[in-house]
Protein backbone atom coordinates (compact mmCIF):
# COMPACT_ATOMS: atom_id res chain seq x y z
CA UNK A 1 114.69 125.20 155.23
CA UNK A 2 111.76 127.05 153.63
CA UNK A 3 112.56 129.28 150.70
CA UNK A 4 112.09 133.02 151.19
CA UNK A 5 109.01 134.48 149.56
CA UNK A 6 109.72 135.77 146.07
CA UNK A 7 108.86 139.32 145.22
CA UNK A 8 108.66 141.31 142.00
CA UNK A 9 112.42 141.58 141.47
CA UNK A 10 113.95 139.46 138.76
CA UNK A 11 117.35 138.87 137.26
CA UNK A 12 117.69 136.63 134.25
CA UNK A 13 120.59 134.32 133.58
CA UNK A 14 121.64 132.32 130.57
CA UNK A 15 123.41 128.97 130.72
CA UNK A 16 125.40 126.89 128.32
CA UNK A 17 123.52 124.00 126.75
CA UNK A 18 125.49 121.53 128.88
CA UNK A 19 124.79 123.38 132.13
CA UNK A 20 121.08 123.75 131.30
CA UNK A 21 120.86 120.03 130.54
CA UNK A 22 122.57 119.21 133.84
CA UNK A 23 120.15 121.45 135.75
CA UNK A 24 117.26 119.58 134.15
CA UNK A 25 118.96 116.24 134.94
CA UNK A 26 119.29 117.19 138.60
CA UNK A 27 115.62 118.09 138.71
CA UNK A 28 114.54 114.84 137.05
CA UNK A 29 116.80 112.59 139.11
CA UNK A 30 116.96 114.14 142.59
CA UNK A 31 115.04 117.41 142.45
CA UNK A 32 112.23 116.39 144.78
CA UNK A 33 114.57 114.56 147.18
CA UNK A 34 116.71 117.72 147.41
CA UNK A 35 113.72 120.05 147.73
CA UNK A 36 113.89 121.62 144.27
CA UNK A 37 110.48 121.94 142.65
CA UNK A 38 111.79 123.82 139.64
CA UNK A 39 114.93 124.97 137.85
CA UNK A 40 114.35 128.37 139.42
CA UNK A 41 114.41 126.83 142.92
CA UNK A 42 117.71 125.10 142.11
CA UNK A 43 119.33 128.23 140.66
CA UNK A 44 118.12 130.42 143.55
CA UNK A 45 119.61 128.02 146.11
CA UNK A 46 122.95 128.02 144.27
CA UNK A 47 122.96 131.82 144.08
CA UNK A 48 122.19 132.15 147.81
CA UNK A 49 125.15 129.85 148.63
CA UNK A 50 127.45 131.92 146.41
CA UNK A 51 126.16 135.18 147.92
CA UNK A 52 127.03 133.92 151.41
CA UNK A 53 130.49 132.82 150.21
CA UNK A 54 131.45 136.17 148.69
CA UNK A 55 129.96 138.06 151.65
CA UNK A 56 132.18 136.03 153.99
CA UNK A 57 135.23 136.51 151.78
CA UNK A 58 134.90 140.21 151.01
CA UNK A 59 132.49 141.79 153.48
CA UNK A 60 133.00 140.19 156.89
CA UNK A 61 130.07 137.84 156.31
CA UNK A 62 127.63 140.71 156.08
CA UNK A 63 125.32 141.63 153.20
CA UNK A 64 126.17 144.78 151.29
CA UNK A 65 123.56 147.52 151.02
CA UNK A 66 121.16 146.42 148.30
CA UNK A 67 121.07 147.99 144.87
CA UNK A 68 117.56 148.41 143.48
CA UNK A 69 116.55 147.32 140.00
CA UNK A 70 117.97 149.73 137.45
CA UNK A 71 120.95 150.54 139.67
CA UNK A 72 123.49 148.77 137.46
CA UNK A 73 124.46 149.57 133.91
CA UNK A 74 122.74 146.97 131.71
CA UNK A 75 124.68 144.68 129.42
CA UNK A 76 128.12 143.16 129.45
CA UNK A 77 131.25 145.02 130.44
CA UNK A 78 133.16 146.69 127.65
CA UNK A 79 136.67 145.46 126.81
CA UNK A 80 138.04 148.57 128.53
CA UNK A 81 136.08 147.87 131.73
CA UNK A 82 137.18 144.23 131.72
CA UNK A 83 140.84 145.18 131.21
CA UNK A 84 140.66 147.80 133.97
CA UNK A 85 139.13 145.25 136.35
CA UNK A 86 141.80 142.64 135.53
CA UNK A 87 144.55 145.22 136.14
CA UNK A 88 143.29 145.71 139.70
CA UNK A 89 142.53 142.04 140.47
CA UNK A 90 145.25 139.73 139.12
């Protein structure tokens, strides 16, 4: 399946050393056979699978309305936000 064309939106992610090494190992050992030309291709494919999973689980399989860049508060959640979230989702 061809990958969708990338646009100017970007989201960065950080990985543990072990996960980053495993991503590189996948690329070296089976990347081309699996259709991954880069770490970014691999990560994008994984994110698309996870997006479909949570859309099926929480939104009837449909995408939510998109949120443009700048639409989320930057940075990690505060302890208060994390505690409040855990109170509502045991």
